[in-house]
């Protein structure tokens, strides 16, 4: 995602972006509807997301948001 010089994104990271990044890393495929963001991600840096794998199993993801080149 493109960002300005101060690290602010032109848009926001969406659950579909997280699911696509997980797939691109070769970790596996997750449903974007099961991804929960802690808030609106609108700047580069560290963030967190959770993935509800089942009713009782939740995985926590550490996200590093970087600007596209």
N, C-alpha and C. Protein backbone atom coordinates (compact mmCIF):
# COMPACT_ATOMS: atom_id res chain seq x y z
N UNK A 1 0.85 -1.16 0.00
CA UNK A 1 0.00 0.00 0.00
C UNK A 1 0.90 1.24 0.00
N UNK A 2 0.53 2.22 -0.76
CA UNK A 2 1.34 3.43 -0.84
C UNK A 2 1.18 4.26 0.42
N UNK A 3 2.24 4.98 0.75
CA UNK A 3 2.23 5.82 1.94
C UNK A 3 2.93 7.14 1.64
N UNK A 4 2.56 8.15 2.41
CA UNK A 4 3.20 9.45 2.29
C UNK A 4 4.55 9.43 2.99
N UNK A 5 5.28 10.53 2.92
CA UNK A 5 6.62 10.59 3.52
C UNK A 5 6.62 10.44 5.04
N UNK A 6 5.51 10.72 5.69
CA UNK A 6 5.44 10.60 7.15
C UNK A 6 4.94 9.23 7.60
N UNK A 7 4.73 8.30 6.66
CA UNK A 7 4.30 6.95 7.01
C UNK A 7 2.81 6.74 7.02
N UNK A 8 2.05 7.77 6.72
CA UNK A 8 0.59 7.65 6.69
C UNK A 8 0.17 7.00 5.37
N UNK A 9 -0.66 5.95 5.46
CA UNK A 9 -1.09 5.21 4.29
C UNK A 9 -2.14 5.96 3.50
N UNK A 10 -2.16 5.74 2.19
CA UNK A 10 -3.22 6.26 1.34
C UNK A 10 -4.33 5.21 1.33
N UNK A 11 -5.13 5.18 2.36
CA UNK A 11 -6.15 4.15 2.56
C UNK A 11 -5.88 3.46 3.87
N UNK A 12 -6.50 2.32 4.07
CA UNK A 12 -6.32 1.57 5.31
C UNK A 12 -6.12 0.09 4.98
N UNK A 13 -5.42 -0.61 5.87
CA UNK A 13 -5.24 -2.05 5.72
C UNK A 13 -6.56 -2.71 6.05
N UNK A 14 -6.99 -3.63 5.17
CA UNK A 14 -8.25 -4.34 5.36
C UNK A 14 -7.98 -5.79 5.70
N UNK A 15 -9.01 -6.48 6.17
CA UNK A 15 -8.85 -7.90 6.52
C UNK A 15 -8.44 -8.72 5.30
N UNK A 16 -8.89 -8.35 4.12
CA UNK A 16 -8.49 -9.05 2.90
C UNK A 16 -7.00 -8.89 2.64
N UNK A 17 -6.44 -7.73 2.98
CA UNK A 17 -5.00 -7.50 2.82
C UNK A 17 -4.20 -8.43 3.73
N UNK A 18 -4.69 -8.62 4.95
CA UNK A 18 -4.01 -9.49 5.90
C UNK A 18 -4.07 -10.94 5.40
N UNK A 19 -5.25 -11.39 4.96
CA UNK A 19 -5.40 -12.76 4.46
C UNK A 19 -4.50 -13.00 3.25
N UNK A 20 -4.40 -12.02 2.37
CA UNK A 20 -3.55 -12.13 1.18
C UNK A 20 -2.07 -12.19 1.57
N UNK A 21 -1.66 -11.41 2.56
CA UNK A 21 -0.27 -11.40 3.01
C UNK A 21 0.11 -12.74 3.65
N UNK A 22 -0.80 -13.32 4.40
CA UNK A 22 -0.55 -14.64 5.01
C UNK A 22 -0.35 -15.68 3.92
N UNK A 23 -1.19 -15.64 2.90
CA UNK A 23 -1.07 -16.58 1.79
C UNK A 23 0.24 -16.37 1.03
N UNK A 24 0.62 -15.11 0.80
CA UNK A 24 1.85 -14.79 0.08
C UNK A 24 3.10 -15.27 0.83
N UNK A 25 3.03 -15.31 2.15
CA UNK A 25 4.16 -15.78 2.95
C UNK A 25 4.27 -17.30 2.97
N UNK A 26 3.26 -17.98 2.41
CA UNK A 26 3.28 -19.43 2.37
C UNK A 26 2.87 -20.09 3.67
N UNK A 27 2.23 -19.34 4.55
CA UNK A 27 1.81 -19.87 5.85
C UNK A 27 0.54 -20.71 5.70
N UNK A 28 -0.32 -20.32 4.80
CA UNK A 28 -1.58 -21.02 4.58
C UNK A 28 -2.63 -20.03 4.13
N UNK A 29 -3.83 -20.53 3.94
CA UNK A 29 -4.93 -19.67 3.54
C UNK A 29 -5.88 -19.48 4.71
N UNK A 30 -6.30 -18.22 4.91
CA UNK A 30 -7.29 -17.92 5.94
C UNK A 30 -8.42 -17.12 5.30
N UNK A 31 -9.57 -17.24 5.86
CA UNK A 31 -10.75 -16.53 5.38
C UNK A 31 -10.69 -15.10 5.92
N UNK A 32 -10.83 -14.11 5.03
CA UNK A 32 -10.76 -12.72 5.46
C UNK A 32 -11.84 -12.39 6.49
N UNK A 33 -12.94 -13.14 6.50
CA UNK A 33 -14.02 -12.88 7.46
C UNK A 33 -13.66 -13.33 8.87
N UNK A 34 -12.61 -14.13 9.00
CA UNK A 34 -12.18 -14.60 10.32
C UNK A 34 -11.07 -13.73 10.92
N UNK A 35 -10.58 -12.77 10.13
CA UNK A 35 -9.54 -11.86 10.60
C UNK A 35 -10.19 -10.69 11.32
N UNK A 36 -9.66 -10.36 12.49
CA UNK A 36 -10.16 -9.23 13.27
C UNK A 36 -9.01 -8.27 13.52
N UNK A 37 -9.18 -7.03 13.10
CA UNK A 37 -8.16 -5.99 13.33
C UNK A 37 -8.49 -5.27 14.63
N UNK A 38 -7.46 -4.87 15.35
CA UNK A 38 -7.67 -4.18 16.63
C UNK A 38 -8.24 -2.78 16.44
N UNK A 39 -8.04 -2.23 15.27
CA UNK A 39 -8.53 -0.89 14.95
C UNK A 39 -8.20 -0.60 13.51
N UNK A 40 -8.42 0.61 13.09
CA UNK A 40 -8.12 1.01 11.73
C UNK A 40 -6.61 1.19 11.59
N UNK A 41 -6.02 0.48 10.63
CA UNK A 41 -4.58 0.56 10.40
C UNK A 41 -4.35 1.53 9.26
N UNK A 42 -3.86 2.73 9.58
CA UNK A 42 -3.69 3.78 8.58
C UNK A 42 -2.27 4.33 8.51
N UNK A 43 -1.32 3.64 9.17
CA UNK A 43 0.07 4.09 9.10
C UNK A 43 1.00 2.89 9.12
N UNK A 44 2.23 3.11 8.67
CA UNK A 44 3.22 2.04 8.67
C UNK A 44 3.65 1.76 10.11
N UNK A 45 4.19 0.57 10.31
CA UNK A 45 4.67 0.19 11.64
C UNK A 45 4.07 -1.11 12.10
N UNK A 46 4.24 -1.39 13.39
CA UNK A 46 3.77 -2.65 13.98
C UNK A 46 2.31 -2.55 14.39
N UNK A 47 1.58 -3.62 14.13
CA UNK A 47 0.17 -3.72 14.50
C UNK A 47 -0.13 -5.17 14.84
N UNK A 48 -1.34 -5.43 15.31
CA UNK A 48 -1.76 -6.78 15.62
C UNK A 48 -3.11 -7.08 15.00
N UNK A 49 -3.31 -8.35 14.72
CA UNK A 49 -4.60 -8.84 14.24
C UNK A 49 -4.81 -10.21 14.87
N UNK A 50 -6.04 -10.63 14.95
CA UNK A 50 -6.34 -11.98 15.42
C UNK A 50 -7.12 -12.72 14.34
N UNK A 51 -6.98 -14.03 14.36
CA UNK A 51 -7.70 -14.88 13.42
C UNK A 51 -8.46 -15.91 14.24
N UNK A 52 -9.77 -15.94 14.08
CA UNK A 52 -10.59 -16.91 14.80
C UNK A 52 -10.63 -18.19 13.97
N UNK A 53 -9.83 -19.17 14.39
CA UNK A 53 -9.72 -20.44 13.67
C UNK A 53 -10.88 -21.37 13.97
N UNK A 54 -11.40 -21.31 15.19
CA UNK A 54 -12.59 -22.05 15.58
C UNK A 54 -13.22 -21.29 16.74
N UNK A 55 -14.29 -21.84 17.29
CA UNK A 55 -14.98 -21.14 18.38
C UNK A 55 -14.08 -20.95 19.59
N UNK A 56 -13.14 -21.86 19.79
CA UNK A 56 -12.29 -21.80 20.98
C UNK A 56 -10.82 -21.50 20.70
N UNK A 57 -10.46 -21.42 19.42
CA UNK A 57 -9.06 -21.25 19.05
C UNK A 57 -8.87 -19.95 18.28
N UNK A 58 -8.06 -19.06 18.86
CA UNK A 58 -7.77 -17.76 18.25
C UNK A 58 -6.26 -17.60 18.12
N UNK A 59 -5.81 -17.24 16.93
CA UNK A 59 -4.38 -17.00 16.69
C UNK A 59 -4.13 -15.50 16.63
N UNK A 60 -3.04 -15.07 17.21
CA UNK A 60 -2.65 -13.66 17.18
C UNK A 60 -1.54 -13.48 16.15
N UNK A 61 -1.71 -12.50 15.28
CA UNK A 61 -0.72 -12.21 14.25
C UNK A 61 -0.06 -10.87 14.54
N UNK A 62 1.26 -10.85 14.41
CA UNK A 62 2.00 -9.60 14.50
C UNK A 62 2.19 -9.10 13.07
N UNK A 63 1.76 -7.89 12.80
CA UNK A 63 1.83 -7.32 11.46
C UNK A 63 2.89 -6.23 11.42
N UNK A 64 3.66 -6.21 10.35
CA UNK A 64 4.61 -5.12 10.09
C UNK A 64 4.16 -4.47 8.80
N UNK A 65 3.56 -3.31 8.88
CA UNK A 65 3.04 -2.61 7.71
C UNK A 65 4.15 -1.74 7.14
N UNK A 66 4.45 -1.96 5.85
CA UNK A 66 5.47 -1.18 5.17
C UNK A 66 4.87 -0.55 3.91
N UNK A 67 5.45 0.54 3.47
CA UNK A 67 4.97 1.23 2.27
C UNK A 67 5.39 0.47 1.03
N UNK A 68 4.52 0.47 0.03
CA UNK A 68 4.86 -0.16 -1.25
C UNK A 68 5.89 0.70 -1.97
N UNK A 69 6.72 0.05 -2.74
CA UNK A 69 7.75 0.78 -3.49
C UNK A 69 7.31 1.05 -4.89
